[in-house]
C-alpha atoms as a PDB file:
ATOM      1  CA  MET A   1      56.567 178.837 215.050  1.00  0.00           C
ATOM      2  CA  LEU A   2      54.174 178.421 212.144  1.00  0.00           C
ATOM      3  CA  PHE A   3      52.394 175.100 211.799  1.00  0.00           C
ATOM      4  CA  ALA A   4      51.758 174.505 208.096  1.00  0.00           C
ATOM      5  CA  PRO A   5      49.371 171.694 207.115  1.00  0.00           C
ATOM      6  CA  GLY A   6      49.201 171.803 203.361  1.00  0.00           C
ATOM      7  CA  PRO A   7      52.227 172.933 201.373  1.00  0.00           C
ATOM      8  CA  GLN A   8      53.488 170.126 199.184  1.00  0.00           C
ATOM      9  CA  THR A   9      55.919 171.548 196.665  1.00  0.00           C
ATOM     10  CA  PRO A  10      59.420 172.862 197.276  1.00  0.00           C
ATOM     11  CA  ALA A  11      58.331 176.316 196.069  1.00  0.00           C
ATOM     12  CA  GLU A  12      55.388 176.443 198.495  1.00  0.00           C
ATOM     13  CA  ILE A  13      57.555 175.255 201.389  1.00  0.00           C
ATOM     14  CA  GLU A  14      60.376 177.693 200.624  1.00  0.00           C
ATOM     15  CA  ALA A  15      57.898 180.569 200.408  1.00  0.00           C
ATOM     16  CA  LEU A  16      56.483 179.751 203.850  1.00  0.00           C
ATOM     17  CA  VAL A  17      59.941 179.333 205.386  1.00  0.00           C
ATOM     18  CA  ALA A  18      60.913 182.775 204.033  1.00  0.00           C
ATOM     19  CA  ALA A  19      57.631 184.355 205.141  1.00  0.00           C
ATOM     20  CA  VAL A  20      57.974 183.307 208.791  1.00  0.00           C
ATOM     21  CA  ALA A  21      61.756 183.699 209.145  1.00  0.00           C
ATOM     22  CA  PRO A  22      63.394 183.870 211.608  1.00  0.00           C
ATOM     23  CA  ARG A  23      60.662 181.843 213.292  1.00  0.00           C
ATOM     24  CA  PRO A  24      60.684 178.092 212.540  1.00  0.00           C
ATOM     25  CA  LEU A  25      58.281 176.319 210.210  1.00  0.00           C
ATOM     26  CA  ASN A  26      56.630 173.057 211.302  1.00  0.00           C
ATOM     27  CA  LEU A  27      55.489 171.171 208.197  1.00  0.00           C
ATOM     28  CA  LEU A  28      52.671 168.616 208.444  1.00  0.00           C
ATOM     29  CA  VAL A  29      53.142 165.776 205.943  1.00  0.00           C
ATOM     30  CA  VAL A  30      50.247 163.305 205.772  1.00  0.00           C
ATOM     31  CA  ARG A  31      50.926 161.700 202.383  1.00  0.00           C
ATOM     32  CA  ASP A  32      53.851 161.151 200.036  1.00  0.00           C
ATOM     33  CA  ILE A  33      54.738 164.577 198.661  1.00  0.00           C
ATOM     34  CA  GLY A  34      57.748 163.277 196.746  1.00  0.00           C
ATOM     35  CA  LEU A  35      60.316 164.793 199.111  1.00  0.00           C
ATOM     36  CA  ARG A  36      62.616 163.061 201.582  1.00  0.00           C
ATOM     37  CA  VAL A  37      63.188 164.274 205.134  1.00  0.00           C
ATOM     38  CA  GLU A  38      66.628 165.586 204.171  1.00  0.00           C
ATOM     39  CA  GLU A  39      65.208 167.527 201.225  1.00  0.00           C
ATOM     40  CA  ILE A  40      62.533 169.126 203.403  1.00  0.00           C
ATOM     41  CA  ALA A  41      65.174 170.104 205.962  1.00  0.00           C
ATOM     42  CA  GLU A  42      67.297 171.648 203.192  1.00  0.00           C
ATOM     43  CA  LEU A  43      64.309 173.865 202.324  1.00  0.00           C
ATOM     44  CA  GLY A  44      64.568 175.339 205.827  1.00  0.00           C
ATOM     45  CA  VAL A  45      61.851 173.402 207.646  1.00  0.00           C
ATOM     46  CA  ARG A  46      62.810 172.980 211.295  1.00  0.00           C
ATOM     47  CA  ARG A  47      60.237 170.374 212.312  1.00  0.00           C
ATOM     48  CA  ILE A  48      58.249 167.777 210.373  1.00  0.00           C
ATOM     49  CA  SER A  49      55.064 166.285 211.805  1.00  0.00           C
ATOM     50  CA  VAL A  50      53.117 163.367 210.377  1.00  0.00           C
ATOM     51  CA  GLY A  51      49.960 163.797 212.425  1.00  0.00           C
ATOM     52  CA  GLY A  52      47.818 160.689 212.072  1.00  0.00           C
ATOM     53  CA  ALA A  53      49.500 159.551 208.849  1.00  0.00           C
ATOM     54  CA  LEU A  54      51.203 156.529 210.418  1.00  0.00           C
ATOM     55  CA  ALA A  55      47.857 155.388 211.823  1.00  0.00           C
ATOM     56  CA  LEU A  56      46.276 155.884 208.385  1.00  0.00           C
ATOM     57  CA  ALA A  57      49.044 153.756 206.851  1.00  0.00           C
ATOM     58  CA  ALA A  58      48.299 151.023 209.384  1.00  0.00           C
ATOM     59  CA  TRP A  59      44.548 151.238 208.747  1.00  0.00           C
ATOM     60  CA  THR A  60      45.169 151.089 204.994  1.00  0.00           C
ATOM     61  CA  GLY A  61      47.007 147.780 205.432  1.00  0.00           C
ATOM     62  CA  PHE A  62      44.258 146.558 207.734  1.00  0.00           C
ATOM     63  CA  MET A  63      41.525 147.472 205.226  1.00  0.00           C
ATOM     64  CA  ARG A  64      43.310 145.791 202.303  1.00  0.00           C
ATOM     65  CA  ALA A  65      43.919 142.591 204.266  1.00  0.00           C
ATOM     66  CA  ALA A  66      40.335 142.521 205.572  1.00  0.00           C
ATOM     67  CA  GLN A  67      38.894 143.139 202.098  1.00  0.00           C
ATOM     68  CA  THR A  68      40.997 140.312 200.633  1.00  0.00           C
ATOM     69  CA  LEU A  69      39.869 137.960 203.385  1.00  0.00           C
ATOM     70  CA  ARG A  70      36.227 138.938 202.955  1.00  0.00           C
ATOM     71  CA  SER A  71      36.035 139.028 199.154  1.00  0.00           C
ATOM     72  CA  LYS A  72      38.357 136.125 198.293  1.00  0.00           C
ATOM     73  CA  GLY A  73      38.457 134.106 201.483  1.00  0.00           C
ATOM     74  CA  SER A  74      42.230 134.416 201.215  1.00  0.00           C
ATOM     75  CA  PHE A  75      44.859 135.241 203.801  1.00  0.00           C
ATOM     76  CA  ALA A  76      47.112 136.691 201.085  1.00  0.00           C
ATOM     77  CA  GLY A  77      46.590 140.138 202.587  1.00  0.00           C
ATOM     78  CA  LEU A  78      48.638 138.993 205.566  1.00  0.00           C
ATOM     79  CA  ALA A  79      51.695 138.175 203.448  1.00  0.00           C
ATOM     80  CA  GLY A  80      54.717 140.235 204.332  1.00  0.00           C
ATOM     81  CA  VAL A  81      53.518 141.350 207.756  1.00  0.00           C
ATOM     82  CA  VAL A  82      56.210 142.514 210.142  1.00  0.00           C
ATOM     83  CA  PRO A  83      57.073 139.869 212.759  1.00  0.00           C
ATOM     84  CA  TYR A  84      56.212 140.691 216.379  1.00  0.00           C
ATOM     85  CA  ALA A  85      59.905 140.474 217.319  1.00  0.00           C
ATOM     86  CA  GLU A  86      60.752 143.233 214.852  1.00  0.00           C
ATOM     87  CA  ILE A  87      57.997 145.499 216.197  1.00  0.00           C
ATOM     88  CA  ASN A  88      59.081 144.827 219.781  1.00  0.00           C
ATOM     89  CA  GLY A  89      62.676 145.585 218.780  1.00  0.00           C
ATOM     90  CA  LEU A  90      61.634 148.922 217.325  1.00  0.00           C
ATOM     91  CA  PHE A  91      60.094 150.002 220.606  1.00  0.00           C
ATOM     92  CA  ALA A  92      63.043 148.669 222.618  1.00  0.00           C
ATOM     93  CA  THR A  93      65.623 150.545 220.548  1.00  0.00           C
ATOM     94  CA  ASN A  94      67.242 153.515 222.227  1.00  0.00           C
ATOM     95  CA  LEU A  95      67.196 156.073 219.420  1.00  0.00           C
ATOM     96  CA  PRO A  96      70.017 158.648 219.218  1.00  0.00           C
ATOM     97  CA  GLY A  97      69.206 161.685 221.351  1.00  0.00           C
ATOM     98  CA  HIS A  98      66.618 159.856 223.446  1.00  0.00           C
ATOM     99  CA  GLN A  99      67.083 158.316 226.858  1.00  0.00           C
ATOM    100  CA  ALA A 100      65.678 154.866 227.539  1.00  0.00           C
ATOM    101  CA  GLN A 101      62.986 154.820 230.201  1.00  0.00           C
ATOM    102  CA  GLY A 102      64.117 152.469 232.959  1.00  0.00           C
ATOM    103  CA  ARG A 103      61.558 150.316 234.715  1.00  0.00           C
END
C-alpha cells in the first residue's frame, strides 16, 4: 500500500494509482480538494484518510466563535451549533459494516 499525502487533482491521483498498481493507494485528504468520496473511489483509490482534518475543522469553529466573543462580546459564533443529542446519536449509531460494542 502507498500512503499518499498530497495529490489533489484527478490527474495526480490517477497517476499514483497507476504507478502502484496492483497495490492499493491510501489518499490523505486534509482540505477540500473539490472531489467527493465517490469520485476519489472511481479514480481507483482504495482507502481515504483524513488525518487530523476533522479536528482542524472543529478547532476552526472554536477559533471563530472565540474570536467573535472576544472582539464583539457576541455569542453569535455559537449560532447553529449541533445539539448534544445529535452528537450523542452519531456515536450511538451502528454504522453499516460495524458491530456495536456491548457494555
